[in-house]
Amino acid sequence: MIETETSETHQGTILVDIDQGIASVIINHPSKLNAFTSTMCHSLISYLQALDSDPNVRVIALQGAGGNFSAGADITNVEQLLFSGSNSDSNGIDLLSAVDESITNVQKPIFSFVQGICMGGGWQIASAADAIIASSDTRLAITPSKLGIIYPRAGLERLKRYVGESRANYLLMTAKEITIEKAEAWNLVAETVDASIFEKYRNRLLRSVASRSQFSIFAMKKLMQLEGTTHYCDAWEKLWSAVQTNEDFVEGRSAFMETRPPEFDWNINNGSRLLSRTTEV
């Protein structure tokens, strides 16, 4: 387990553990329901960049400590979080949005595992991952109207895209907590799992994703991100042309024919030629 270096424990920490290709990234500020401070945001951005470059990491899990995901922004640190665009790593935007951007930039599969409190900016951060898996004990609300602030742009736009304008208006204007069943029906989470088996389900899912072809995941994730842009067709042609000679396809077909589990070797970090070809678009 790796912990951010900070002597100010009230600022919260980000913990990272890597085991058999699975990187668990833990939002650790339980005294504040894992609300984010600027220290935590900078640490999370740095860790995500490092994990995305680590050849030993195949999948990333984002979760909270102490039975909660996150209550969003730490209100005692809100000026630094939301209104100090000059912060390093923030790219001139608020720090929650900088974290959001760093999550969406991860090329490897990244899942948010949500339990307990997931409110305000907590949902924005969780939803920046490829999918949210929620425990049945999750409590979810979008709460900027309780604080007299505006939801950060990335979160606002994603919320409308996921649930539609009418439901986004309802969630933003009322700040009401909704049931996890309704959250799943409205597309705020991808799947809900009973709290009694949540940890077991998490581990099984992550092991399954870690065993899949990184080439397939990288290529399809890239295409999903580029769909609707001027780069999409070019990227599709380049990635499709790489399939036939890719070592994962050779292994996948052989394993299927031999009725055995495949052992995929392609890695984003050593697939530099394909990576450079696709990032040019």
C-alpha atoms as a PDB file:
ATOM      1  CA  MET A   1       0.000   0.000   0.000  1.00  0.00           C
ATOM      2  CA  ILE A   2       1.363   3.424  -0.978  1.00  0.00           C
ATOM      3  CA  GLU A   3       0.227   6.586   0.787  1.00  0.00           C
ATOM      4  CA  THR A   4       0.635  10.158  -0.320  1.00  0.00           C
ATOM      5  CA  GLU A   5       3.352  12.003   1.558  1.00  0.00           C
ATOM      6  CA  THR A   6       1.648  14.604   3.745  1.00  0.00           C
ATOM      7  CA  SER A   7       2.072  15.518   7.381  1.00  0.00           C
ATOM      8  CA  GLU A   8      -1.342  17.188   7.420  1.00  0.00           C
ATOM      9  CA  THR A   9      -3.663  14.248   7.955  1.00  0.00           C
ATOM     10  CA  HIS A  10      -6.682  16.581   8.022  1.00  0.00           C
ATOM     11  CA  GLN A  11      -5.996  17.183   4.324  1.00  0.00           C
ATOM     12  CA  GLY A  12      -6.803  13.555   3.539  1.00  0.00           C
ATOM     13  CA  THR A  13      -4.743  11.121   1.499  1.00  0.00           C
ATOM     14  CA  ILE A  14      -4.927   8.900  -1.546  1.00  0.00           C
ATOM     15  CA  LEU A  15      -3.901   5.284  -0.990  1.00  0.00           C
ATOM     16  CA  VAL A  16      -2.765   2.961  -3.782  1.00  0.00           C
ATOM     17  CA  ASP A  17      -2.321  -0.802  -3.717  1.00  0.00           C
ATOM     18  CA  ILE A  18      -1.276  -2.919  -6.718  1.00  0.00           C
ATOM     19  CA  ASP A  19      -1.939  -6.662  -6.677  1.00  0.00           C
ATOM     20  CA  GLN A  20      -1.834  -9.025  -9.655  1.00  0.00           C
ATOM     21  CA  GLY A  21      -2.401  -6.285 -12.208  1.00  0.00           C
ATOM     22  CA  ILE A  22      -5.201  -4.593 -10.250  1.00  0.00           C
ATOM     23  CA  ALA A  23      -4.542  -1.093  -8.874  1.00  0.00           C
ATOM     24  CA  SER A  24      -6.882  -0.072  -6.049  1.00  0.00           C
ATOM     25  CA  VAL A  25      -6.985   3.709  -5.632  1.00  0.00           C
ATOM     26  CA  ILE A  26      -8.626   4.698  -2.348  1.00  0.00           C
ATOM     27  CA  ILE A  27     -10.013   8.140  -1.482  1.00  0.00           C
ATOM     28  CA  ASN A  28      -9.023   8.327   2.174  1.00  0.00           C
ATOM     29  CA  HIS A  29     -10.579  11.146   4.199  1.00  0.00           C
ATOM     30  CA  PRO A  30     -13.123   9.255   6.318  1.00  0.00           C
ATOM     31  CA  SER A  31     -13.567  11.996   8.927  1.00  0.00           C
ATOM     32  CA  LYS A  32     -15.064  14.157   6.132  1.00  0.00           C
ATOM     33  CA  LEU A  33     -16.880  11.319   4.310  1.00  0.00           C
ATOM     34  CA  ASN A  34     -13.941  11.268   1.865  1.00  0.00           C
ATOM     35  CA  ALA A  35     -14.581  14.817   0.710  1.00  0.00           C
ATOM     36  CA  PHE A  36     -11.806  16.071  -1.568  1.00  0.00           C
ATOM     37  CA  THR A  37      -9.184  18.620  -0.569  1.00  0.00           C
ATOM     38  CA  SER A  38      -6.743  20.264  -2.968  1.00  0.00           C
ATOM     39  CA  THR A  39      -3.961  18.023  -1.588  1.00  0.00           C
ATOM     40  CA  MET A  40      -5.990  14.927  -2.419  1.00  0.00           C
ATOM     41  CA  CYS A  41      -6.795  16.190  -5.927  1.00  0.00           C
ATOM     42  CA  HIS A  42      -3.134  16.787  -6.778  1.00  0.00           C
ATOM     43  CA  SER A  43      -2.179  13.385  -5.373  1.00  0.00           C
ATOM     44  CA  LEU A  44      -4.918  11.560  -7.274  1.00  0.00           C
ATOM     45  CA  ILE A  45      -3.916  13.197 -10.560  1.00  0.00           C
ATOM     46  CA  SER A  46      -0.273  12.176 -10.053  1.00  0.00           C
ATOM     47  CA  TYR A  47      -1.151   8.599  -9.104  1.00  0.00           C
ATOM     48  CA  LEU A  48      -3.470   8.087 -12.065  1.00  0.00           C
ATOM     49  CA  GLN A  49      -0.791   9.261 -14.487  1.00  0.00           C
ATOM     50  CA  ALA A  50       1.746   6.905 -12.892  1.00  0.00           C
ATOM     51  CA  LEU A  51      -0.623   3.922 -12.899  1.00  0.00           C
ATOM     52  CA  ASP A  52      -1.554   4.468 -16.532  1.00  0.00           C
ATOM     53  CA  SER A  53       2.168   4.210 -17.378  1.00  0.00           C
ATOM     54  CA  ASP A  54       2.868   1.216 -15.130  1.00  0.00           C
ATOM     55  CA  PRO A  55       3.223  -1.976 -17.229  1.00  0.00           C
ATOM     56  CA  ASN A  56       2.232  -4.056 -14.187  1.00  0.00           C
ATOM     57  CA  VAL A  57      -1.237  -2.450 -14.019  1.00  0.00           C
ATOM     58  CA  ARG A  58      -4.034  -3.810 -16.193  1.00  0.00           C
ATOM     59  CA  VAL A  59      -7.121  -2.341 -14.511  1.00  0.00           C
ATOM     60  CA  ILE A  60      -7.764   0.455 -11.992  1.00  0.00           C
ATOM     61  CA  ALA A  61     -10.418   0.534  -9.256  1.00  0.00           C
ATOM     62  CA  LEU A  62     -11.422   3.874  -7.724  1.00  0.00           C
ATOM     63  CA  GLN A  63     -13.153   3.656  -4.344  1.00  0.00           C
ATOM     64  CA  GLY A  64     -13.568   5.336  -0.967  1.00  0.00           C
ATOM     65  CA  ALA A  65     -12.379   4.394   2.514  1.00  0.00           C
ATOM     66  CA  GLY A  66     -14.584   3.577   5.483  1.00  0.00           C
ATOM     67  CA  GLY A  67     -17.733   2.533   3.631  1.00  0.00           C
ATOM     68  CA  ASN A  68     -18.324   5.770   1.695  1.00  0.00           C
ATOM     69  CA  PHE A  69     -17.246   6.899  -1.762  1.00  0.00           C
ATOM     70  CA  SER A  70     -17.103  10.693  -1.452  1.00  0.00           C
ATOM     71  CA  ALA A  71     -19.188  13.637  -0.307  1.00  0.00           C
ATOM     72  CA  GLY A  72     -17.593  15.776  -3.040  1.00  0.00           C
ATOM     73  CA  ALA A  73     -15.628  18.918  -2.204  1.00  0.00           C
ATOM     74  CA  ASP A  74     -14.453  19.584   1.339  1.00  0.00           C
ATOM     75  CA  ILE A  75     -16.371  22.770   2.123  1.00  0.00           C
ATOM     76  CA  THR A  76     -13.500  24.066   4.292  1.00  0.00           C
ATOM     77  CA  ASN A  77     -11.202  23.842   1.261  1.00  0.00           C
ATOM     78  CA  VAL A  78     -13.693  24.903  -1.398  1.00  0.00           C
ATOM     79  CA  GLU A  79     -11.935  28.109  -2.523  1.00  0.00           C
ATOM     80  CA  GLN A  80      -8.764  26.217  -3.422  1.00  0.00           C
ATOM     81  CA  LEU A  81     -10.738  23.413  -5.023  1.00  0.00           C
ATOM     82  CA  LEU A  82     -13.113  25.392  -7.196  1.00  0.00           C
ATOM     83  CA  PHE A  83     -11.757  28.888  -7.690  1.00  0.00           C
ATOM     84  CA  SER A  84      -7.990  28.584  -7.933  1.00  0.00           C
ATOM     85  CA  GLY A  85      -7.415  27.688 -11.575  1.00  0.00           C
ATOM     86  CA  SER A  86      -3.732  28.532 -11.271  1.00  0.00           C
ATOM     87  CA  ASN A  87      -3.119  25.369  -9.218  1.00  0.00           C
ATOM     88  CA  SER A  88      -0.543  23.068 -10.794  1.00  0.00           C
ATOM     89  CA  ASP A  89      -2.197  20.127 -12.599  1.00  0.00           C
ATOM     90  CA  SER A  90      -5.466  22.085 -12.919  1.00  0.00           C
ATOM     91  CA  ASN A  91      -4.968  23.309 -16.519  1.00  0.00           C
ATOM     92  CA  GLY A  92      -6.740  26.531 -15.561  1.00  0.00           C
ATOM     93  CA  ILE A  93      -9.919  24.754 -14.430  1.00  0.00           C
ATOM     94  CA  ASP A  94     -11.219  23.874 -10.984  1.00  0.00           C
ATOM     95  CA  LEU A  95      -9.409  21.015  -9.275  1.00  0.00           C
ATOM     96  CA  LEU A  96     -12.388  18.641  -9.266  1.00  0.00           C
ATOM     97  CA  SER A  97     -12.589  19.065 -13.032  1.00  0.00           C
ATOM     98  CA  ALA A  98      -8.825  18.525 -13.282  1.00  0.00           C
ATOM     99  CA  VAL A  99      -9.282  15.208 -11.468  1.00  0.00           C
ATOM    100  CA  ASP A 100     -12.234  14.425 -13.752  1.00  0.00           C
ATOM    101  CA  GLU A 101     -10.032  15.086 -16.785  1.00  0.00           C
ATOM    102  CA  SER A 102      -7.217  12.921 -15.448  1.00  0.00           C
ATOM    103  CA  ILE A 103      -9.649  10.010 -14.987  1.00  0.00           C
ATOM    104  CA  THR A 104     -11.091  10.343 -18.500  1.00  0.00           C
ATOM    105  CA  ASN A 105      -7.528  10.456 -19.881  1.00  0.00           C
ATOM    106  CA  VAL A 106      -6.648   7.057 -18.384  1.00  0.00           C
ATOM    107  CA  GLN A 107      -6.178   4.639 -21.279  1.00  0.00           C
ATOM    108  CA  LYS A 108      -6.576   1.497 -19.188  1.00  0.00           C
ATOM    109  CA  PRO A 109      -9.945   0.281 -17.894  1.00  0.00           C
ATOM    110  CA  ILE A 110     -10.964   2.194 -14.774  1.00  0.00           C
ATOM    111  CA  PHE A 111     -14.045   1.458 -12.670  1.00  0.00           C
ATOM    112  CA  SER A 112     -15.595   3.349  -9.765  1.00  0.00           C
ATOM    113  CA  PHE A 113     -16.872   1.153  -6.922  1.00  0.00           C
ATOM    114  CA  VAL A 114     -19.364   3.242  -4.976  1.00  0.00           C
ATOM    115  CA  GLN A 115     -20.705   2.593  -1.489  1.00  0.00           C
ATOM    116  CA  GLY A 116     -22.410   4.778   1.080  1.00  0.00           C
ATOM    117  CA  ILE A 117     -22.247   8.509   0.463  1.00  0.00           C
ATOM    118  CA  CYS A 118     -21.755   9.574  -3.173  1.00  0.00           C
ATOM    119  CA  MET A 119     -22.967  13.135  -3.405  1.00  0.00           C
ATOM    120  CA  GLY A 120     -22.210  16.393  -5.186  1.00  0.00           C
ATOM    121  CA  GLY A 121     -18.784  16.276  -6.809  1.00  0.00           C
ATOM    122  CA  GLY A 122     -18.443  12.684  -5.607  1.00  0.00           C
ATOM    123  CA  TRP A 123     -20.730  11.535  -8.424  1.00  0.00           C
ATOM    124  CA  GLN A 124     -18.831  13.654 -10.939  1.00  0.00           C
ATOM    125  CA  ILE A 125     -15.540  11.977 -10.006  1.00  0.00           C
ATOM    126  CA  ALA A 126     -17.091   8.493  -9.960  1.00  0.00           C
ATOM    127  CA  SER A 127     -18.797   9.026 -13.322  1.00  0.00           C
ATOM    128  CA  ALA A 128     -15.547  10.066 -15.024  1.00  0.00           C
ATOM    129  CA  ALA A 129     -14.484   6.397 -14.892  1.00  0.00           C
ATOM    130  CA  ASP A 130     -15.539   3.881 -17.532  1.00  0.00           C
ATOM    131  CA  ALA A 131     -18.412   2.630 -15.354  1.00  0.00           C
ATOM    132  CA  ILE A 132     -19.836   2.964 -11.847  1.00  0.00           C
ATOM    133  CA  ILE A 133     -20.590  -0.224  -9.931  1.00  0.00           C
ATOM    134  CA  ALA A 134     -22.739   0.717  -6.935  1.00  0.00           C
ATOM    135  CA  SER A 135     -23.520  -1.082  -3.699  1.00  0.00           C
ATOM    136  CA  SER A 136     -27.177  -1.315  -2.733  1.00  0.00           C
ATOM    137  CA  ASP A 137     -26.414   0.876   0.313  1.00  0.00           C
ATOM    138  CA  THR A 138     -25.297   3.820  -1.848  1.00  0.00           C
ATOM    139  CA  ARG A 139     -26.804   7.245  -1.085  1.00  0.00           C
ATOM    140  CA  LEU A 140     -26.697   9.533  -4.128  1.00  0.00           C
ATOM    141  CA  ALA A 141     -27.598  13.181  -4.668  1.00  0.00           C
ATOM    142  CA  ILE A 142     -26.364  16.063  -6.841  1.00  0.00           C
ATOM    143  CA  THR A 143     -26.172  18.942  -4.372  1.00  0.00           C
ATOM    144  CA  PRO A 144     -24.683  22.253  -5.712  1.00  0.00           C
ATOM    145  CA  SER A 145     -27.968  24.104  -5.144  1.00  0.00           C
ATOM    146  CA  LYS A 146     -27.599  23.403  -1.409  1.00  0.00           C
ATOM    147  CA  LEU A 147     -24.345  25.374  -1.393  1.00  0.00           C
ATOM    148  CA  GLY A 148     -25.061  28.209  -3.785  1.00  0.00           C
ATOM    149  CA  ILE A 149     -22.510  27.018  -6.357  1.00  0.00           C
ATOM    150  CA  ILE A 150     -22.623  25.692  -9.920  1.00  0.00           C
ATOM    151  CA  TYR A 151     -21.809  22.066 -10.705  1.00  0.00           C
ATOM    152  CA  PRO A 152     -18.451  21.953 -12.543  1.00  0.00           C
ATOM    153  CA  ARG A 153     -18.830  22.003 -16.305  1.00  0.00           C
ATOM    154  CA  ALA A 154     -17.632  18.445 -16.966  1.00  0.00           C
ATOM    155  CA  GLY A 155     -20.037  17.055 -14.372  1.00  0.00           C
ATOM    156  CA  LEU A 156     -22.950  19.175 -15.598  1.00  0.00           C
ATOM    157  CA  GLU A 157     -22.494  18.116 -19.215  1.00  0.00           C
ATOM    158  CA  ARG A 158     -22.042  14.436 -18.344  1.00  0.00           C
ATOM    159  CA  LEU A 159     -25.105  14.472 -16.096  1.00  0.00           C
ATOM    160  CA  LYS A 160     -27.281  15.851 -18.899  1.00  0.00           C
ATOM    161  CA  ARG A 161     -25.791  13.363 -21.381  1.00  0.00           C
ATOM    162  CA  TYR A 162     -26.455  10.406 -19.078  1.00  0.00           C
ATOM    163  CA  VAL A 163     -29.928  11.188 -17.740  1.00  0.00           C
ATOM    164  CA  GLY A 164     -31.393  13.730 -20.161  1.00  0.00           C
ATOM    165  CA  GLU A 165     -32.221  17.387 -19.596  1.00  0.00           C
ATOM    166  CA  SER A 166     -35.439  16.941 -17.602  1.00  0.00           C
ATOM    167  CA  ARG A 167     -33.954  14.530 -15.057  1.00  0.00           C
ATOM    168  CA  ALA A 168     -30.731  16.553 -14.862  1.00  0.00           C
ATOM    169  CA  ASN A 169     -32.816  19.635 -14.023  1.00  0.00           C
ATOM    170  CA  TYR A 170     -34.685  17.679 -11.354  1.00  0.00           C
ATOM    171  CA  LEU A 171     -31.508  16.397  -9.720  1.00  0.00           C
ATOM    172  CA  LEU A 172     -29.722  19.751  -9.840  1.00  0.00           C
ATOM    173  CA  MET A 173     -32.626  21.935  -8.738  1.00  0.00           C
ATOM    174  CA  THR A 174     -34.001  19.759  -5.944  1.00  0.00           C
ATOM    175  CA  ALA A 175     -30.677  18.309  -4.679  1.00  0.00           C
ATOM    176  CA  LYS A 176     -32.834  15.402  -3.511  1.00  0.00           C
ATOM    177  CA  GLU A 177     -31.315  12.056  -2.601  1.00  0.00           C
ATOM    178  CA  ILE A 178     -32.644   9.338  -4.877  1.00  0.00           C
ATOM    179  CA  THR A 179     -32.806   5.593  -4.372  1.00  0.00           C
ATOM    180  CA  ILE A 180     -30.050   3.493  -5.862  1.00  0.00           C
ATOM    181  CA  GLU A 181     -32.686   1.611  -7.878  1.00  0.00           C
ATOM    182  CA  LYS A 182     -33.776   4.890  -9.473  1.00  0.00           C
ATOM    183  CA  ALA A 183     -30.133   5.897  -9.976  1.00  0.00           C
ATOM    184  CA  GLU A 184     -29.535   2.741 -11.999  1.00  0.00           C
ATOM    185  CA  ALA A 185     -32.759   3.195 -13.971  1.00  0.00           C
ATOM    186  CA  TRP A 186     -31.702   6.772 -14.785  1.00  0.00           C
ATOM    187  CA  ASN A 187     -28.224   5.690 -15.917  1.00  0.00           C
ATOM    188  CA  LEU A 188     -26.369   7.376 -13.046  1.00  0.00           C
ATOM    189  CA  VAL A 189     -24.703   4.013 -12.304  1.00  0.00           C
ATOM    190  CA  ALA A 190     -24.024   1.067 -14.583  1.00  0.00           C
ATOM    191  CA  GLU A 191     -24.904  -1.708 -12.146  1.00  0.00           C
ATOM    192  CA  THR A 192     -26.137  -2.173  -8.578  1.00  0.00           C
ATOM    193  CA  VAL A 193     -24.879  -5.034  -6.411  1.00  0.00           C
ATOM    194  CA  ASP A 194     -26.226  -6.150  -3.041  1.00  0.00           C
ATOM    195  CA  ALA A 195     -24.098  -4.742  -0.221  1.00  0.00           C
ATOM    196  CA  SER A 196     -23.595  -8.208   1.296  1.00  0.00           C
ATOM    197  CA  ILE A 197     -21.629  -9.410  -1.745  1.00  0.00           C
ATOM    198  CA  PHE A 198     -20.250  -6.096  -3.003  1.00  0.00           C
ATOM    199  CA  GLU A 199     -16.588  -6.734  -2.141  1.00  0.00           C
ATOM    200  CA  LYS A 200     -16.651 -10.253  -3.542  1.00  0.00           C
ATOM    201  CA  TYR A 201     -18.309  -9.016  -6.737  1.00  0.00           C
ATOM    202  CA  ARG A 202     -15.746  -6.200  -7.052  1.00  0.00           C
ATOM    203  CA  ASN A 203     -12.825  -8.604  -6.815  1.00  0.00           C
ATOM    204  CA  ARG A 204     -14.318 -11.032  -9.302  1.00  0.00           C
ATOM    205  CA  LEU A 205     -15.085  -8.288 -11.816  1.00  0.00           C
ATOM    206  CA  LEU A 206     -11.600  -6.773 -11.603  1.00  0.00           C
ATOM    207  CA  ARG A 207      -9.907 -10.154 -12.028  1.00  0.00           C
ATOM    208  CA  SER A 208     -12.091 -10.799 -15.059  1.00  0.00           C
ATOM    209  CA  VAL A 209     -11.246  -7.458 -16.696  1.00  0.00           C
ATOM    210  CA  ALA A 210      -7.537  -7.931 -15.907  1.00  0.00           C
ATOM    211  CA  SER A 211      -7.646 -11.225 -17.825  1.00  0.00           C
ATOM    212  CA  ARG A 212      -9.119  -9.650 -20.987  1.00  0.00           C
ATOM    213  CA  SER A 213      -7.193  -8.395 -23.993  1.00  0.00           C
ATOM    214  CA  GLN A 214      -5.654  -5.008 -23.268  1.00  0.00           C
ATOM    215  CA  PHE A 215      -5.455  -4.443 -27.010  1.00  0.00           C
ATOM    216  CA  SER A 216      -9.226  -4.885 -27.376  1.00  0.00           C
ATOM    217  CA  ILE A 217      -9.973  -2.695 -24.367  1.00  0.00           C
ATOM    218  CA  PHE A 218      -7.541   0.051 -25.387  1.00  0.00           C
ATOM    219  CA  ALA A 219      -8.797   0.132 -28.985  1.00  0.00           C
ATOM    220  CA  MET A 220     -12.508   0.098 -28.148  1.00  0.00           C
ATOM    221  CA  LYS A 221     -12.125   2.678 -25.389  1.00  0.00           C
ATOM    222  CA  LYS A 222     -10.230   4.954 -27.782  1.00  0.00           C
ATOM    223  CA  LEU A 223     -12.944   4.592 -30.405  1.00  0.00           C
ATOM    224  CA  MET A 224     -15.748   5.228 -27.918  1.00  0.00           C
ATOM    225  CA  GLN A 225     -14.008   8.460 -26.878  1.00  0.00           C
ATOM    226  CA  LEU A 226     -13.498   9.615 -30.469  1.00  0.00           C
ATOM    227  CA  GLU A 227     -16.961   8.696 -31.789  1.00  0.00           C
ATOM    228  CA  GLY A 228     -18.637  11.777 -33.189  1.00  0.00           C
ATOM    229  CA  THR A 229     -15.362  13.639 -33.761  1.00  0.00           C
ATOM    230  CA  THR A 230     -13.509  14.295 -37.021  1.00  0.00           C
ATOM    231  CA  HIS A 231     -10.823  11.805 -35.921  1.00  0.00           C
ATOM    232  CA  TYR A 232     -13.147   8.828 -35.540  1.00  0.00           C
ATOM    233  CA  CYS A 233     -12.997   7.354 -39.071  1.00  0.00           C
ATOM    234  CA  ASP A 234      -9.217   7.613 -39.292  1.00  0.00           C
ATOM    235  CA  ALA A 235      -8.794   6.034 -35.858  1.00  0.00           C
ATOM    236  CA  TRP A 236     -11.203   3.229 -36.741  1.00  0.00           C
ATOM    237  CA  GLU A 237      -9.276   2.377 -39.912  1.00  0.00           C
ATOM    238  CA  LYS A 238      -5.909   2.381 -38.115  1.00  0.00           C
ATOM    239  CA  LEU A 239      -7.078   0.268 -35.211  1.00  0.00           C
ATOM    240  CA  TRP A 240      -9.064  -2.144 -37.382  1.00  0.00           C
ATOM    241  CA  SER A 241      -6.026  -2.692 -39.595  1.00  0.00           C
ATOM    242  CA  ALA A 242      -4.001  -3.599 -36.491  1.00  0.00           C
ATOM    243  CA  VAL A 243      -6.372  -6.397 -35.420  1.00  0.00           C
ATOM    244  CA  GLN A 244      -5.384  -9.163 -37.807  1.00  0.00           C
ATOM    245  CA  THR A 245      -1.676  -9.179 -36.945  1.00  0.00           C
ATOM    246  CA  ASN A 246      -2.068  -8.324 -33.276  1.00  0.00           C
ATOM    247  CA  GLU A 247      -0.678 -10.928 -30.872  1.00  0.00           C
ATOM    248  CA  ASP A 248      -3.802 -10.871 -28.713  1.00  0.00           C
ATOM    249  CA  PHE A 249      -5.987 -11.869 -31.663  1.00  0.00           C
ATOM    250  CA  VAL A 250      -3.610 -14.723 -32.482  1.00  0.00           C
ATOM    251  CA  GLU A 251      -3.698 -15.891 -28.864  1.00  0.00           C
ATOM    252  CA  GLY A 252      -7.454 -15.396 -28.477  1.00  0.00           C
ATOM    253  CA  ARG A 253      -8.255 -17.457 -31.551  1.00  0.00           C
ATOM    254  CA  SER A 254      -5.813 -20.213 -30.567  1.00  0.00           C
ATOM    255  CA  ALA A 255      -7.212 -20.372 -27.032  1.00  0.00           C
ATOM    256  CA  PHE A 256     -10.781 -20.585 -28.345  1.00  0.00           C
ATOM    257  CA  MET A 257      -9.880 -23.417 -30.718  1.00  0.00           C
ATOM    258  CA  GLU A 258      -8.018 -25.260 -27.959  1.00  0.00           C
ATOM    259  CA  THR A 259     -10.789 -24.643 -25.386  1.00  0.00           C
ATOM    260  CA  ARG A 260      -8.427 -23.048 -22.854  1.00  0.00           C
ATOM    261  CA  PRO A 261      -8.297 -19.633 -21.175  1.00  0.00           C
ATOM    262  CA  PRO A 262      -6.314 -17.107 -23.269  1.00  0.00           C
ATOM    263  CA  GLU A 263      -3.094 -15.583 -21.936  1.00  0.00           C
ATOM    264  CA  PHE A 264      -2.979 -12.133 -23.485  1.00  0.00           C
ATOM    265  CA  ASP A 265       0.421 -10.396 -23.621  1.00  0.00           C
ATOM    266  CA  TRP A 266      -0.245  -7.096 -25.407  1.00  0.00           C
ATOM    267  CA  ASN A 267       0.317  -4.149 -23.114  1.00  0.00           C
ATOM    268  CA  ILE A 268      -0.494  -0.488 -23.691  1.00  0.00           C
ATOM    269  CA  ASN A 269       2.916   0.428 -22.371  1.00  0.00           C
ATOM    270  CA  ASN A 270       4.864  -1.748 -24.788  1.00  0.00           C
ATOM    271  CA  GLY A 271       2.529  -1.199 -27.731  1.00  0.00           C
ATOM    272  CA  SER A 272       4.260   2.081 -28.569  1.00  0.00           C
ATOM    273  CA  ARG A 273       3.897   1.836 -32.352  1.00  0.00           C
ATOM    274  CA  LEU A 274       0.141   1.318 -32.212  1.00  0.00           C
ATOM    275  CA  LEU A 275      -0.168   3.942 -29.482  1.00  0.00           C
ATOM    276  CA  SER A 276       1.674   6.561 -31.488  1.00  0.00           C
ATOM    277  CA  ARG A 277      -0.354   5.785 -34.585  1.00  0.00           C
ATOM    278  CA  THR A 278      -3.657   6.199 -32.767  1.00  0.00           C
ATOM    279  CA  THR A 279      -2.739   9.277 -30.766  1.00  0.00           C
ATOM    280  CA  GLU A 280      -1.796  11.125 -33.937  1.00  0.00           C
ATOM    281  CA  VAL A 281      -5.461  11.350 -34.882  1.00  0.00           C
END
